[in-house]
Structure formats: C-alpha cells, structure tokens
Amino acid sequence: MSKGHHGPCPTFDTAAETVSFDEDLYTVHAPDGTVLHDGDAISARSVPDTQDREFLEVTSVFDGASFKVPVPYRHTDPTEADYTISYTDESLSMNGFSSAIVLREGREPRAA
C-alpha cells in the first residue's frame, strides 16, 4: 500500500506542550508565521481556556492544501474555588468533573 497524500494531522502532547507531525507531509506555521518543526514547544501559543485560542496553519507538502488546527488550551492552575469537598460522602470534586476519596488522617476527615 502506498502512503496516502494526507497522513495523520499534527498531534499535541499536552503534558509536554509540544506538537508532533510528519515534516515530509506537512509544513506547520505558528499564528505569527514562525515555521514549527516536529517536537517544537507550543506552550507559548496555548492560552488558558478563558481566552480565544490560537490556530496553527498546516499545509500539505504534496498539494499545498492548508487547514487550521486549534492549539490545545493550557490548563490553568487550580484555585481554591475549583474544589468542593463533601465530608458526608467523603468525596472531592474538582471543577465539578472528577471525584475522589478524601483520605482520613486519624478519625477526622480532612481536606486534601
């Protein structure tokens, strides 16, 4: 099987805040026009999810077709208001999404 004209799109490692793509298939430009390479950091271009996100311009080496790929949002550092602790069922809620068990030290449940 021959390689198709369009390989996998650029992907993001959100933990390392880098972009990965096949440089034989695509050229990728940052919003300011900077040429990005496979493995380059995109942390400077990711913004907290309360702001308008940036887009990378991706161009196919084969046919020049281009499209925009949104840069993932940067996760903001949690604040005290993001956490809710329920002492009755010993659960911890972060941003209303995940819950976990609050561990006890001694007899009193304590906020983690």
PDB file of N, CA and C in Angstrom:
ATOM      1  N   MET A   1       0.849  -1.179   0.000  1.00  0.00           N
ATOM      2  CA  MET A   1       0.000   0.000   0.000  1.00  0.00           C
ATOM      3  C   MET A   1       0.893   1.240   0.000  1.00  0.00           C
ATOM      4  N   SER A   2       0.615   2.142  -0.896  1.00  0.00           N
ATOM      5  CA  SER A   2       1.393   3.373  -0.912  1.00  0.00           C
ATOM      6  C   SER A   2       0.826   4.342   0.110  1.00  0.00           C
ATOM      7  N   LYS A   3       1.684   5.241   0.552  1.00  0.00           N
ATOM      8  CA  LYS A   3       1.271   6.235   1.530  1.00  0.00           C
ATOM      9  C   LYS A   3       0.276   7.190   0.886  1.00  0.00           C
ATOM     10  N   GLY A   4      -0.802   7.481   1.576  1.00  0.00           N
ATOM     11  CA  GLY A   4      -1.775   8.434   1.054  1.00  0.00           C
ATOM     12  C   GLY A   4      -1.199   9.838   1.085  1.00  0.00           C
ATOM     13  N   HIS A   5      -1.878  10.747   0.402  1.00  0.00           N
ATOM     14  CA  HIS A   5      -1.398  12.129   0.375  1.00  0.00           C
ATOM     15  C   HIS A   5      -1.560  12.813   1.712  1.00  0.00           C
ATOM     16  N   HIS A   6      -2.523  12.368   2.484  1.00  0.00           N
ATOM     17  CA  HIS A   6      -2.752  13.035   3.761  1.00  0.00           C
ATOM     18  C   HIS A   6      -2.518  12.049   4.888  1.00  0.00           C
ATOM     19  N   GLY A   7      -1.393  12.217   5.559  1.00  0.00           N
ATOM     20  CA  GLY A   7      -1.072  11.375   6.707  1.00  0.00           C
ATOM     21  C   GLY A   7      -1.772  11.914   7.936  1.00  0.00           C
ATOM     22  N   PRO A   8      -1.374  11.435   9.090  1.00  0.00           N
ATOM     23  CA  PRO A   8      -2.010  11.915  10.315  1.00  0.00           C
ATOM     24  C   PRO A   8      -1.756  13.407  10.515  1.00  0.00           C
ATOM     25  N   CYS A   9      -2.766  14.075  10.990  1.00  0.00           N
ATOM     26  CA  CYS A   9      -2.651  15.505  11.281  1.00  0.00           C
ATOM     27  C   CYS A   9      -1.676  15.707  12.444  1.00  0.00           C
ATOM     28  N   PRO A  10      -1.199  16.927  12.590  1.00  0.00           N
ATOM     29  CA  PRO A  10      -0.374  17.207  13.765  1.00  0.00           C
ATOM     30  C   PRO A  10      -1.113  16.842  15.050  1.00  0.00           C
ATOM     31  N   THR A  11      -0.388  16.277  15.980  1.00  0.00           N
ATOM     32  CA  THR A  11      -0.958  15.937  17.279  1.00  0.00           C
ATOM     33  C   THR A  11      -0.204  16.715  18.347  1.00  0.00           C
ATOM     34  N   PHE A  12      -0.807  16.813  19.510  1.00  0.00           N
ATOM     35  CA  PHE A  12      -0.234  17.593  20.588  1.00  0.00           C
ATOM     36  C   PHE A  12       0.025  16.717  21.795  1.00  0.00           C
ATOM     37  N   ASP A  13       1.177  16.917  22.408  1.00  0.00           N
ATOM     38  CA  ASP A  13       1.451  16.312  23.703  1.00  0.00           C
ATOM     39  C   ASP A  13       1.146  17.408  24.715  1.00  0.00           C
ATOM     40  N   THR A  14      -0.038  17.320  25.333  1.00  0.00           N
ATOM     41  CA  THR A  14      -0.468  18.415  26.193  1.00  0.00           C
ATOM     42  C   THR A  14       0.327  18.472  27.490  1.00  0.00           C
ATOM     43  N   ALA A  15       0.911  17.338  27.907  1.00  0.00           N
ATOM     44  CA  ALA A  15       1.726  17.363  29.128  1.00  0.00           C
ATOM     45  C   ALA A  15       3.035  18.110  28.870  1.00  0.00           C
ATOM     46  N   ALA A  16       3.685  17.770  27.754  1.00  0.00           N
ATOM     47  CA  ALA A  16       4.957  18.425  27.415  1.00  0.00           C
ATOM     48  C   ALA A  16       4.740  19.730  26.660  1.00  0.00           C
ATOM     49  N   GLU A  17       3.490  19.954  26.216  1.00  0.00           N
ATOM     50  CA  GLU A  17       3.133  21.131  25.430  1.00  0.00           C
ATOM     51  C   GLU A  17       3.986  21.249  24.164  1.00  0.00           C
ATOM     52  N   THR A  18       4.005  20.145  23.398  1.00  0.00           N
ATOM     53  CA  THR A  18       4.737  20.116  22.132  1.00  0.00           C
ATOM     54  C   THR A  18       3.796  19.645  21.026  1.00  0.00           C
ATOM     55  N   VAL A  19       4.223  19.873  19.777  1.00  0.00           N
ATOM     56  CA  VAL A  19       3.452  19.443  18.617  1.00  0.00           C
ATOM     57  C   VAL A  19       4.253  18.365  17.880  1.00  0.00           C
ATOM     58  N   SER A  20       3.564  17.366  17.341  1.00  0.00           N
ATOM     59  CA  SER A  20       4.216  16.294  16.580  1.00  0.00           C
ATOM     60  C   SER A  20       3.539  16.169  15.222  1.00  0.00           C
ATOM     61  N   PHE A  21       4.345  16.081  14.171  1.00  0.00           N
ATOM     62  CA  PHE A  21       3.788  15.873  12.838  1.00  0.00           C
ATOM     63  C   PHE A  21       4.900  15.370  11.925  1.00  0.00           C
ATOM     64  N   ASP A  22       4.511  14.830  10.767  1.00  0.00           N
ATOM     65  CA  ASP A  22       5.461  14.308   9.788  1.00  0.00           C
ATOM     66  C   ASP A  22       5.903  15.454   8.882  1.00  0.00           C
ATOM     67  N   GLU A  23       7.168  15.869   9.035  1.00  0.00           N
ATOM     68  CA  GLU A  23       7.667  17.005   8.258  1.00  0.00           C
ATOM     69  C   GLU A  23       7.780  16.694   6.770  1.00  0.00           C
ATOM     70  N   ASP A  24       7.724  15.404   6.405  1.00  0.00           N
ATOM     71  CA  ASP A  24       7.707  15.045   4.981  1.00  0.00           C
ATOM     72  C   ASP A  24       6.333  15.287   4.363  1.00  0.00           C
ATOM     73  N   LEU A  25       5.313  15.389   5.208  1.00  0.00           N
ATOM     74  CA  LEU A  25       3.950  15.562   4.714  1.00  0.00           C
ATOM     75  C   LEU A  25       3.421  16.983   4.879  1.00  0.00           C
ATOM     76  N   TYR A  26       3.852  17.658   5.931  1.00  0.00           N
ATOM     77  CA  TYR A  26       3.272  18.959   6.264  1.00  0.00           C
ATOM     78  C   TYR A  26       4.325  19.994   6.610  1.00  0.00           C
ATOM     79  N   THR A  27       3.981  21.244   6.342  1.00  0.00           N
ATOM     80  CA  THR A  27       4.686  22.362   6.964  1.00  0.00           C
ATOM     81  C   THR A  27       3.684  23.005   7.910  1.00  0.00           C
ATOM     82  N   VAL A  28       4.165  23.429   9.057  1.00  0.00           N
ATOM     83  CA  VAL A  28       3.284  23.995  10.073  1.00  0.00           C
ATOM     84  C   VAL A  28       3.797  25.372  10.459  1.00  0.00           C
ATOM     85  N   HIS A  29       2.900  26.351  10.412  1.00  0.00           N
ATOM     86  CA  HIS A  29       3.246  27.709  10.798  1.00  0.00           C
ATOM     87  C   HIS A  29       2.461  28.101  12.047  1.00  0.00           C
ATOM     88  N   ALA A  30       3.165  28.741  12.959  1.00  0.00           N
ATOM     89  CA  ALA A  30       2.532  29.294  14.155  1.00  0.00           C
ATOM     90  C   ALA A  30       1.692  30.504  13.749  1.00  0.00           C
ATOM     91  N   PRO A  31       0.821  30.981  14.628  1.00  0.00           N
ATOM     92  CA  PRO A  31      -0.027  32.139  14.287  1.00  0.00           C
ATOM     93  C   PRO A  31       0.764  33.370  13.844  1.00  0.00           C
ATOM     94  N   ASP A  32       1.987  33.521  14.346  1.00  0.00           N
ATOM     95  CA  ASP A  32       2.793  34.694  13.969  1.00  0.00           C
ATOM     96  C   ASP A  32       3.639  34.443  12.724  1.00  0.00           C
ATOM     97  N   GLY A  33       3.451  33.273  12.079  1.00  0.00           N
ATOM     98  CA  GLY A  33       4.185  32.976  10.857  1.00  0.00           C
ATOM     99  C   GLY A  33       5.449  32.161  11.052  1.00  0.00           C
ATOM    100  N   THR A  34       5.836  31.935  12.302  1.00  0.00           N
ATOM    101  CA  THR A  34       7.031  31.138  12.583  1.00  0.00           C
ATOM    102  C   THR A  34       6.833  29.710  12.072  1.00  0.00           C
ATOM    103  N   VAL A  35       7.851  29.166  11.414  1.00  0.00           N
ATOM    104  CA  VAL A  35       7.801  27.772  10.974  1.00  0.00           C
ATOM    105  C   VAL A  35       8.091  26.878  12.173  1.00  0.00           C
ATOM    106  N   LEU A  36       7.213  25.923  12.421  1.00  0.00           N
ATOM    107  CA  LEU A  36       7.408  24.978  13.522  1.00  0.00           C
ATOM    108  C   LEU A  36       7.932  23.660  12.979  1.00  0.00           C
ATOM    109  N   HIS A  37       8.699  22.973  13.809  1.00  0.00           N
ATOM    110  CA  HIS A  37       9.237  21.659  13.460  1.00  0.00           C
ATOM    111  C   HIS A  37       8.663  20.611  14.402  1.00  0.00           C
ATOM    112  N   ASP A  38       8.732  19.354  13.946  1.00  0.00           N
ATOM    113  CA  ASP A  38       8.245  18.244  14.754  1.00  0.00           C
ATOM    114  C   ASP A  38       8.893  18.287  16.136  1.00  0.00           C
ATOM    115  N   GLY A  39       8.089  18.254  17.180  1.00  0.00           N
ATOM    116  CA  GLY A  39       8.610  18.252  18.546  1.00  0.00           C
ATOM    117  C   GLY A  39       8.775  19.637  19.154  1.00  0.00           C
ATOM    118  N   ASP A  40       8.467  20.704  18.383  1.00  0.00           N
ATOM    119  CA  ASP A  40       8.612  22.057  18.918  1.00  0.00           C
ATOM    120  C   ASP A  40       7.592  22.319  20.024  1.00  0.00           C
ATOM    121  N   ALA A  41       7.995  23.154  20.959  1.00  0.00           N
ATOM    122  CA  ALA A  41       7.103  23.543  22.050  1.00  0.00           C
ATOM    123  C   ALA A  41       6.040  24.503  21.526  1.00  0.00           C
ATOM    124  N   ILE A  42       4.836  24.313  21.989  1.00  0.00           N
ATOM    125  CA  ILE A  42       3.748  25.226  21.630  1.00  0.00           C
ATOM    126  C   ILE A  42       3.194  25.906  22.872  1.00  0.00           C
ATOM    127  N   SER A  43       3.878  25.756  23.999  1.00  0.00           N
ATOM    128  CA  SER A  43       3.351  26.308  25.250  1.00  0.00           C
ATOM    129  C   SER A  43       3.150  27.810  25.169  1.00  0.00           C
ATOM    130  N   ALA A  44       3.998  28.505  24.417  1.00  0.00           N
ATOM    131  CA  ALA A  44       3.850  29.959  24.297  1.00  0.00           C
ATOM    132  C   ALA A  44       2.571  30.322  23.549  1.00  0.00           C
ATOM    133  N   ARG A  45       2.023  29.370  22.793  1.00  0.00           N
ATOM    134  CA  ARG A  45       0.845  29.662  21.984  1.00  0.00           C
ATOM    135  C   ARG A  45      -0.441  29.120  22.589  1.00  0.00           C
ATOM    136  N   SER A  46      -0.310  28.294  23.619  1.00  0.00           N
ATOM    137  CA  SER A  46      -1.521  27.795  24.263  1.00  0.00           C
ATOM    138  C   SER A  46      -1.932  28.789  25.345  1.00  0.00           C
ATOM    139  N   VAL A  47      -3.209  29.014  25.431  1.00  0.00           N
ATOM    140  CA  VAL A  47      -3.732  30.017  26.350  1.00  0.00           C
ATOM    141  C   VAL A  47      -4.715  29.360  27.309  1.00  0.00           C
ATOM    142  N   PRO A  48      -4.961  29.972  28.455  1.00  0.00           N
ATOM    143  CA  PRO A  48      -5.986  29.409  29.349  1.00  0.00           C
ATOM    144  C   PRO A  48      -7.327  29.348  28.625  1.00  0.00           C
ATOM    145  N   ASP A  49      -8.180  28.419  29.044  1.00  0.00           N
ATOM    146  CA  ASP A  49      -9.420  28.205  28.300  1.00  0.00           C
ATOM    147  C   ASP A  49     -10.435  29.328  28.478  1.00  0.00           C
ATOM    148  N   THR A  50     -10.030  30.407  29.126  1.00  0.00           N
ATOM    149  CA  THR A  50     -10.908  31.569  29.238  1.00  0.00           C
ATOM    150  C   THR A  50     -10.626  32.573  28.128  1.00  0.00           C
ATOM    151  N   GLN A  51      -9.610  32.303  27.299  1.00  0.00           N
ATOM    152  CA  GLN A  51      -9.221  33.232  26.236  1.00  0.00           C
ATOM    153  C   GLN A  51      -9.423  32.597  24.867  1.00  0.00           C
ATOM    154  N   ASP A  52      -9.389  33.430  23.835  1.00  0.00           N
ATOM    155  CA  ASP A  52      -9.502  32.904  22.474  1.00  0.00           C
ATOM    156  C   ASP A  52      -8.273  32.083  22.151  1.00  0.00           C
ATOM    157  N   ARG A  53      -8.481  30.897  21.593  1.00  0.00           N
ATOM    158  CA  ARG A  53      -7.337  30.031  21.308  1.00  0.00           C
ATOM    159  C   ARG A  53      -6.646  30.436  20.025  1.00  0.00           C
ATOM    160  N   GLU A  54      -5.399  29.970  19.908  1.00  0.00           N
ATOM    161  CA  GLU A  54      -4.592  30.217  18.713  1.00  0.00           C
ATOM    162  C   GLU A  54      -4.754  29.033  17.762  1.00  0.00           C
ATOM    163  N   PHE A  55      -4.457  29.267  16.473  1.00  0.00           N
ATOM    164  CA  PHE A  55      -4.531  28.199  15.483  1.00  0.00           C
ATOM    165  C   PHE A  55      -3.201  28.089  14.751  1.00  0.00           C
ATOM    166  N   LEU A  56      -2.779  26.844  14.485  1.00  0.00           N
ATOM    167  CA  LEU A  56      -1.605  26.607  13.660  1.00  0.00           C
ATOM    168  C   LEU A  56      -2.075  26.421  12.221  1.00  0.00           C
ATOM    169  N   GLU A  57      -1.318  26.962  11.282  1.00  0.00           N
ATOM    170  CA  GLU A  57      -1.626  26.809   9.857  1.00  0.00           C
ATOM    171  C   GLU A  57      -0.839  25.596   9.358  1.00  0.00           C
ATOM    172  N   VAL A  58      -1.544  24.578   8.897  1.00  0.00           N
ATOM    173  CA  VAL A  58      -0.924  23.337   8.437  1.00  0.00           C
ATOM    174  C   VAL A  58      -1.095  23.253   6.926  1.00  0.00           C
ATOM    175  N   THR A  59       0.019  23.063   6.204  1.00  0.00           N
ATOM    176  CA  THR A  59      -0.036  22.996   4.746  1.00  0.00           C
ATOM    177  C   THR A  59       0.526  21.670   4.271  1.00  0.00           C
ATOM    178  N   SER A  60      -0.194  21.018   3.364  1.00  0.00           N
ATOM    179  CA  SER A  60       0.269  19.751   2.804  1.00  0.00           C
ATOM    180  C   SER A  60       1.426  20.009   1.854  1.00  0.00           C
ATOM    181  N   VAL A  61       2.492  19.229   2.010  1.00  0.00           N
ATOM    182  CA  VAL A  61       3.653  19.355   1.127  1.00  0.00           C
ATOM    183  C   VAL A  61       3.281  18.926  -0.292  1.00  0.00           C
ATOM    184  N   PHE A  62       2.332  17.974  -0.412  1.00  0.00           N
ATOM    185  CA  PHE A  62       2.001  17.404  -1.718  1.00  0.00           C
ATOM    186  C   PHE A  62       1.176  18.333  -2.596  1.00  0.00           C
ATOM    187  N   ASP A  63       0.076  18.873  -2.053  1.00  0.00           N
ATOM    188  CA  ASP A  63      -0.826  19.633  -2.910  1.00  0.00           C
ATOM    189  C   ASP A  63      -1.052  21.072  -2.458  1.00  0.00           C
ATOM    190  N   GLY A  64      -0.375  21.481  -1.380  1.00  0.00           N
ATOM    191  CA  GLY A  64      -0.498  22.862  -0.930  1.00  0.00           C
ATOM    192  C   GLY A  64      -1.790  23.180  -0.205  1.00  0.00           C
ATOM    193  N   ALA A  65      -2.646  22.175  -0.027  1.00  0.00           N
ATOM    194  CA  ALA A  65      -3.889  22.409   0.710  1.00  0.00           C
ATOM    195  C   ALA A  65      -3.553  22.752   2.149  1.00  0.00           C
ATOM    196  N   SER A  66      -4.238  23.729   2.693  1.00  0.00           N
ATOM    197  CA  SER A  66      -3.938  24.094   4.071  1.00  0.00           C
ATOM    198  C   SER A  66      -5.200  24.113   4.911  1.00  0.00           C
ATOM    199  N   PHE A  67      -5.010  23.928   6.200  1.00  0.00           N
ATOM    200  CA  PHE A  67      -6.115  23.968   7.148  1.00  0.00           C
ATOM    201  C   PHE A  67      -5.556  24.443   8.475  1.00  0.00           C
ATOM    202  N   LYS A  68      -6.452  24.854   9.346  1.00  0.00           N
ATOM    203  CA  LYS A  68      -6.031  25.348  10.656  1.00  0.00           C
ATOM    204  C   LYS A  68      -6.304  24.296  11.717  1.00  0.00           C
ATOM    205  N   VAL A  69      -5.374  24.184  12.648  1.00  0.00           N
ATOM    206  CA  VAL A  69      -5.517  23.252  13.759  1.00  0.00           C
ATOM    207  C   VAL A  69      -5.487  24.071  15.051  1.00  0.00           C
ATOM    208  N   PRO A  70      -6.527  23.958  15.883  1.00  0.00           N
ATOM    209  CA  PRO A  70      -6.521  24.731  17.127  1.00  0.00           C
ATOM    210  C   PRO A  70      -5.475  24.215  18.113  1.00  0.00           C
ATOM    211  N   VAL A  71      -4.735  25.136  18.698  1.00  0.00           N
ATOM    212  CA  VAL A  71      -3.773  24.773  19.738  1.00  0.00           C
ATOM    213  C   VAL A  71      -4.564  24.417  20.997  1.00  0.00           C
ATOM    214  N   PRO A  72      -4.223  23.324  21.662  1.00  0.00           N
ATOM    215  CA  PRO A  72      -4.983  22.964  22.872  1.00  0.00           C
ATOM    216  C   PRO A  72      -4.881  24.065  23.923  1.00  0.00           C
ATOM    217  N   TYR A  73      -5.926  24.185  24.696  1.00  0.00           N
ATOM    218  CA  TYR A  73      -5.903  25.147  25.795  1.00  0.00           C
ATOM    219  C   TYR A  73      -4.911  24.707  26.864  1.00  0.00           C
ATOM    220  N   ARG A  74      -4.296  25.679  27.508  1.00  0.00           N
ATOM    221  CA  ARG A  74      -3.440  25.381  28.654  1.00  0.00           C
ATOM    222  C   ARG A  74      -4.353  25.261  29.864  1.00  0.00           C
ATOM    223  N   HIS A  75      -4.098  24.254  30.677  1.00  0.00           N
ATOM    224  CA  HIS A  75      -4.886  24.115  31.896  1.00  0.00           C
ATOM    225  C   HIS A  75      -4.378  25.109  32.916  1.00  0.00           C
ATOM    226  N   THR A  76      -5.287  25.927  33.411  1.00  0.00           N
ATOM    227  CA  THR A  76      -4.876  26.915  34.408  1.00  0.00           C
ATOM    228  C   THR A  76      -4.630  26.219  35.731  1.00  0.00           C
ATOM    229  N   ASP A  77      -3.772  26.789  36.531  1.00  0.00           N
ATOM    230  CA  ASP A  77      -3.532  26.223  37.858  1.00  0.00           C
ATOM    231  C   ASP A  77      -4.823  26.298  38.654  1.00  0.00           C
ATOM    232  N   PRO A  78      -5.136  25.242  39.371  1.00  0.00           N
ATOM    233  CA  PRO A  78      -6.399  25.247  40.108  1.00  0.00           C
ATOM    234  C   PRO A  78      -6.385  26.289  41.234  1.00  0.00           C
ATOM    235  N   THR A  79      -7.527  26.832  41.504  1.00  0.00           N
ATOM    236  CA  THR A  79      -7.674  27.750  42.627  1.00  0.00           C
ATOM    237  C   THR A  79      -8.552  27.084  43.669  1.00  0.00           C
ATOM    238  N   GLU A  80      -8.610  27.679  44.822  1.00  0.00           N
ATOM    239  CA  GLU A  80      -9.386  27.096  45.908  1.00  0.00           C
ATOM    240  C   GLU A  80     -10.855  26.922  45.518  1.00  0.00           C
ATOM    241  N   ALA A  81     -11.359  27.836  44.704  1.00  0.00           N
ATOM    242  CA  ALA A  81     -12.767  27.780  44.319  1.00  0.00           C
ATOM    243  C   ALA A  81     -13.077  26.598  43.394  1.00  0.00           C
ATOM    244  N   ASP A  82     -12.044  25.992  42.812  1.00  0.00           N
ATOM    245  CA  ASP A  82     -12.263  24.877  41.893  1.00  0.00           C
ATOM    246  C   ASP A  82     -12.569  23.568  42.622  1.00  0.00           C
ATOM    247  N   TYR A  83     -12.363  23.538  43.921  1.00  0.00           N
ATOM    248  CA  TYR A  83     -12.521  22.304  44.671  1.00  0.00           C
ATOM    249  C   TYR A  83     -13.720  22.373  45.601  1.00  0.00           C
ATOM    250  N   THR A  84     -14.468  21.285  45.642  1.00  0.00           N
ATOM    251  CA  THR A  84     -15.560  21.166  46.596  1.00  0.00           C
ATOM    252  C   THR A  84     -15.368  19.848  47.331  1.00  0.00           C
ATOM    253  N   ILE A  85     -15.418  19.907  48.643  1.00  0.00           N
ATOM    254  CA  ILE A  85     -15.246  18.693  49.438  1.00  0.00           C
ATOM    255  C   ILE A  85     -16.551  18.411  50.174  1.00  0.00           C
ATOM    256  N   SER A  86     -17.033  17.202  50.013  1.00  0.00           N
ATOM    257  CA  SER A  86     -18.219  16.776  50.752  1.00  0.00           C
ATOM    258  C   SER A  86     -17.764  15.838  51.858  1.00  0.00           C
ATOM    259  N   TYR A  87     -17.952  16.252  53.089  1.00  0.00           N
ATOM    260  CA  TYR A  87     -17.499  15.419  54.209  1.00  0.00           C
ATOM    261  C   TYR A  87     -18.467  14.276  54.476  1.00  0.00           C
ATOM    262  N   THR A  88     -19.725  14.404  54.036  1.00  0.00           N
ATOM    263  CA  THR A  88     -20.686  13.337  54.330  1.00  0.00           C
ATOM    264  C   THR A  88     -20.372  12.078  53.540  1.00  0.00           C
ATOM    265  N   ASP A  89     -20.054  12.222  52.235  1.00  0.00           N
ATOM    266  CA  ASP A  89     -19.735  11.011  51.478  1.00  0.00           C
ATOM    267  C   ASP A  89     -18.254  10.935  51.122  1.00  0.00           C
ATOM    268  N   GLU A  90     -17.451  11.784  51.774  1.00  0.00           N
ATOM    269  CA  GLU A  90     -16.000  11.753  51.606  1.00  0.00           C
ATOM    270  C   GLU A  90     -15.576  11.837  50.148  1.00  0.00           C
ATOM    271  N   SER A  91     -16.157  12.782  49.422  1.00  0.00           N
ATOM    272  CA  SER A  91     -15.772  12.927  48.023  1.00  0.00           C
ATOM    273  C   SER A  91     -15.136  14.292  47.796  1.00  0.00           C
ATOM    274  N   LEU A  92     -14.310  14.344  46.791  1.00  0.00           N
ATOM    275  CA  LEU A  92     -13.634  15.579  46.398  1.00  0.00           C
ATOM    276  C   LEU A  92     -14.006  15.851  44.955  1.00  0.00           C
ATOM    277  N   SER A  93     -14.541  17.029  44.668  1.00  0.00           N
ATOM    278  CA  SER A  93     -14.921  17.378  43.322  1.00  0.00           C
ATOM    279  C   SER A  93     -14.045  18.523  42.838  1.00  0.00           C
ATOM    280  N   MET A  94     -13.436  18.345  41.669  1.00  0.00           N
ATOM    281  CA  MET A  94     -12.587  19.388  41.104  1.00  0.00           C
ATOM    282  C   MET A  94     -13.248  19.921  39.847  1.00  0.00           C
ATOM    283  N   ASN A  95     -13.580  21.204  39.825  1.00  0.00           N
ATOM    284  CA  ASN A  95     -14.247  21.837  38.693  1.00  0.00           C
ATOM    285  C   ASN A  95     -15.549  21.133  38.332  1.00  0.00           C
ATOM    286  N   GLY A  96     -16.105  20.408  39.278  1.00  0.00           N
ATOM    287  CA  GLY A  96     -17.365  19.725  39.024  1.00  0.00           C
ATOM    288  C   GLY A  96     -17.230  18.483  38.163  1.00  0.00           C
ATOM    289  N   PHE A  97     -16.007  18.091  37.786  1.00  0.00           N
ATOM    290  CA  PHE A  97     -15.853  16.972  36.861  1.00  0.00           C
ATOM    291  C   PHE A  97     -15.478  15.673  37.547  1.00  0.00           C
ATOM    292  N   SER A  98     -14.384  15.687  38.304  1.00  0.00           N
ATOM    293  CA  SER A  98     -13.901  14.415  38.833  1.00  0.00           C
ATOM    294  C   SER A  98     -14.153  14.345  40.327  1.00  0.00           C
ATOM    295  N   SER A  99     -14.254  13.148  40.822  1.00  0.00           N
ATOM    296  CA  SER A  99     -14.404  13.000  42.262  1.00  0.00           C
ATOM    297  C   SER A  99     -13.423  11.951  42.737  1.00  0.00           C
ATOM    298  N   ALA A 100     -13.013  12.087  43.969  1.00  0.00           N
ATOM    299  CA  ALA A 100     -12.052  11.153  44.538  1.00  0.00           C
ATOM    300  C   ALA A 100     -12.360  11.027  46.019  1.00  0.00           C
ATOM    301  N   ILE A 101     -11.777  10.050  46.633  1.00  0.00           N
ATOM    302  CA  ILE A 101     -11.974   9.857  48.066  1.00  0.00           C
ATOM    303  C   ILE A 101     -11.018  10.774  48.830  1.00  0.00           C
ATOM    304  N   VAL A 102     -11.557  11.462  49.831  1.00  0.00           N
ATOM    305  CA  VAL A 102     -10.705  12.249  50.717  1.00  0.00           C
ATOM    306  C   VAL A 102     -10.189  11.303  51.784  1.00  0.00           C
ATOM    307  N   LEU A 103      -8.880  11.182  51.886  1.00  0.00           N
ATOM    308  CA  LEU A 103      -8.306  10.252  52.849  1.00  0.00           C
ATOM    309  C   LEU A 103      -8.420  10.806  54.264  1.00  0.00           C
ATOM    310  N   ARG A 104      -8.608   9.919  55.198  1.00  0.00           N
ATOM    311  CA  ARG A 104      -8.693  10.325  56.595  1.00  0.00           C
ATOM    312  C   ARG A 104      -7.324  10.203  57.247  1.00  0.00           C
ATOM    313  N   GLU A 105      -7.048  11.147  58.121  1.00  0.00           N
ATOM    314  CA  GLU A 105      -5.889  11.011  58.999  1.00  0.00           C
ATOM    315  C   GLU A 105      -6.469  10.990  60.391  1.00  0.00           C
ATOM    316  N   GLY A 106      -6.283   9.885  61.071  1.00  0.00           N
ATOM    317  CA  GLY A 106      -6.935   9.754  62.360  1.00  0.00           C
ATOM    318  C   GLY A 106      -8.427   9.562  62.161  1.00  0.00           C
ATOM    319  N   ARG A 107      -9.237  10.177  63.032  1.00  0.00           N
ATOM    320  CA  ARG A 107     -10.680   9.965  62.953  1.00  0.00           C
ATOM    321  C   ARG A 107     -11.379  11.037  62.142  1.00  0.00           C
ATOM    322  N   GLU A 108     -10.766  12.230  62.033  1.00  0.00           N
ATOM    323  CA  GLU A 108     -11.443  13.335  61.371  1.00  0.00           C
ATOM    324  C   GLU A 108     -11.131  13.335  59.895  1.00  0.00           C
ATOM    325  N   PRO A 109     -12.152  13.453  59.018  1.00  0.00           N
ATOM    326  CA  PRO A 109     -11.844  13.646  57.590  1.00  0.00           C
ATOM    327  C   PRO A 109     -11.214  15.026  57.413  1.00  0.00           C
ATOM    328  N   ARG A 110     -10.166  15.105  56.633  1.00  0.00           N
ATOM    329  CA  ARG A 110      -9.509  16.372  56.414  1.00  0.00           C
ATOM    330  C   ARG A 110      -9.473  16.700  54.931  1.00  0.00           C
ATOM    331  N   ALA A 111      -9.473  17.971  54.643  1.00  0.00           N
ATOM    332  CA  ALA A 111      -9.370  18.398  53.248  1.00  0.00           C
ATOM    333  C   ALA A 111      -7.985  18.041  52.728  1.00  0.00           C
ATOM    334  N   ALA A 112      -7.950  17.453  51.559  1.00  0.00           N
ATOM    335  CA  ALA A 112      -6.654  17.078  50.987  1.00  0.00           C
ATOM    336  C   ALA A 112      -5.977  18.304  50.420  1.00  0.00           C
TER     337      ALA A 112
END
